[in-house]
Amino acid sequence: MAEDNAADRGPGEGLAEVRLFLPEDLYRAFHRCVWILVNETGRDRLDIMRELIHDFLVKHGC
């Protein structure tokens, strides 16, 4: 049986959606932060979003 390798999947495959409800200013700040990181690092949006969520979960011991 072949191993499941995330690098072999297309963008967005194997991902689930998370819905957050927050004030508009935080919504804009989140998207601005993602946009800045994408443009400064050249990484893609999904990679940045994964990292932000991972960091949040680690910070809170989840």
C-alpha atoms as a PDB file:
ATOM      1  CA  MET A   1       0.000   0.000   0.000  1.00  0.00           C
ATOM      2  CA  ALA A   2       1.311   3.467  -0.891  1.00  0.00           C
ATOM      3  CA  GLU A   3       2.088   5.899   1.903  1.00  0.00           C
ATOM      4  CA  ASP A   4      -0.084   8.993   2.212  1.00  0.00           C
ATOM      5  CA  ASN A   5       2.336  11.825   1.532  1.00  0.00           C
ATOM      6  CA  ALA A   6       0.965  15.374   1.873  1.00  0.00           C
ATOM      7  CA  ALA A   7       3.509  16.583  -0.707  1.00  0.00           C
ATOM      8  CA  ASP A   8       1.857  14.318  -3.318  1.00  0.00           C
ATOM      9  CA  ARG A   9      -1.547  15.934  -2.811  1.00  0.00           C
ATOM     10  CA  GLY A  10      -2.749  19.007  -4.635  1.00  0.00           C
ATOM     11  CA  PRO A  11      -3.350  22.283  -2.817  1.00  0.00           C
ATOM     12  CA  GLY A  12      -6.343  22.025  -0.537  1.00  0.00           C
ATOM     13  CA  GLU A  13      -6.603  18.235  -0.629  1.00  0.00           C
ATOM     14  CA  GLY A  14      -6.877  16.649   2.771  1.00  0.00           C
ATOM     15  CA  LEU A  15      -7.918  19.939   4.365  1.00  0.00           C
ATOM     16  CA  ALA A  16     -11.076  20.769   6.300  1.00  0.00           C
ATOM     17  CA  GLU A  17     -12.672  24.182   6.587  1.00  0.00           C
ATOM     18  CA  VAL A  18     -12.709  26.077   9.882  1.00  0.00           C
ATOM     19  CA  ARG A  19     -15.246  28.859  10.280  1.00  0.00           C
ATOM     20  CA  LEU A  20     -14.477  31.674  12.658  1.00  0.00           C
ATOM     21  CA  PHE A  21     -16.792  34.519  13.543  1.00  0.00           C
ATOM     22  CA  LEU A  22     -14.944  37.619  14.628  1.00  0.00           C
ATOM     23  CA  PRO A  23     -15.146  41.388  14.486  1.00  0.00           C
ATOM     24  CA  GLU A  24     -14.462  42.928  11.088  1.00  0.00           C
ATOM     25  CA  ASP A  25     -11.251  44.598  12.262  1.00  0.00           C
ATOM     26  CA  LEU A  26      -9.770  41.227  13.332  1.00  0.00           C
ATOM     27  CA  TYR A  27     -10.942  39.656  10.057  1.00  0.00           C
ATOM     28  CA  ARG A  28      -9.136  42.356   8.080  1.00  0.00           C
ATOM     29  CA  ALA A  29      -6.041  42.071  10.299  1.00  0.00           C
ATOM     30  CA  PHE A  30      -5.891  38.295   9.759  1.00  0.00           C
ATOM     31  CA  HIS A  31      -6.107  38.612   5.973  1.00  0.00           C
ATOM     32  CA  ARG A  32      -3.628  41.500   5.954  1.00  0.00           C
ATOM     33  CA  CYS A  33      -1.196  39.401   8.008  1.00  0.00           C
ATOM     34  CA  VAL A  34      -1.569  36.431   5.640  1.00  0.00           C
ATOM     35  CA  TRP A  35      -1.117  38.701   2.605  1.00  0.00           C
ATOM     36  CA  ILE A  36       2.038  40.273   4.082  1.00  0.00           C
ATOM     37  CA  LEU A  37       3.542  36.860   4.922  1.00  0.00           C
ATOM     38  CA  VAL A  38       2.746  35.507   1.444  1.00  0.00           C
ATOM     39  CA  ASN A  39       4.398  38.508  -0.198  1.00  0.00           C
ATOM     40  CA  GLU A  40       7.422  38.590   2.119  1.00  0.00           C
ATOM     41  CA  THR A  41       8.136  34.856   2.050  1.00  0.00           C
ATOM     42  CA  GLY A  42       6.773  33.659  -1.302  1.00  0.00           C
ATOM     43  CA  ARG A  43       4.931  30.838   0.490  1.00  0.00           C
ATOM     44  CA  ASP A  44       1.330  30.085  -0.434  1.00  0.00           C
ATOM     45  CA  ARG A  45      -1.737  31.167   1.561  1.00  0.00           C
ATOM     46  CA  LEU A  46      -2.685  27.659   2.678  1.00  0.00           C
ATOM     47  CA  ASP A  47       0.795  27.065   4.055  1.00  0.00           C
ATOM     48  CA  ILE A  48       0.651  30.334   6.007  1.00  0.00           C
ATOM     49  CA  MET A  49      -2.840  29.536   7.341  1.00  0.00           C
ATOM     50  CA  ARG A  50      -1.725  26.056   8.432  1.00  0.00           C
ATOM     51  CA  GLU A  51       1.210  27.608  10.287  1.00  0.00           C
ATOM     52  CA  LEU A  52      -0.954  30.240  12.022  1.00  0.00           C
ATOM     53  CA  ILE A  53      -3.450  27.627  13.229  1.00  0.00           C
ATOM     54  CA  HIS A  54      -0.664  25.239  14.268  1.00  0.00           C
ATOM     55  CA  ASP A  55       1.057  27.983  16.267  1.00  0.00           C
ATOM     56  CA  PHE A  56      -2.238  28.896  17.965  1.00  0.00           C
ATOM     57  CA  LEU A  57      -2.926  25.275  18.940  1.00  0.00           C
ATOM     58  CA  VAL A  58       0.601  24.749  20.248  1.00  0.00           C
ATOM     59  CA  LYS A  59       0.463  27.992  22.243  1.00  0.00           C
ATOM     60  CA  HIS A  60      -2.743  26.841  23.954  1.00  0.00           C
ATOM     61  CA  GLY A  61      -1.588  23.245  24.455  1.00  0.00           C
ATOM     62  CA  CYS A  62      -4.247  21.750  22.219  1.00  0.00           C
END
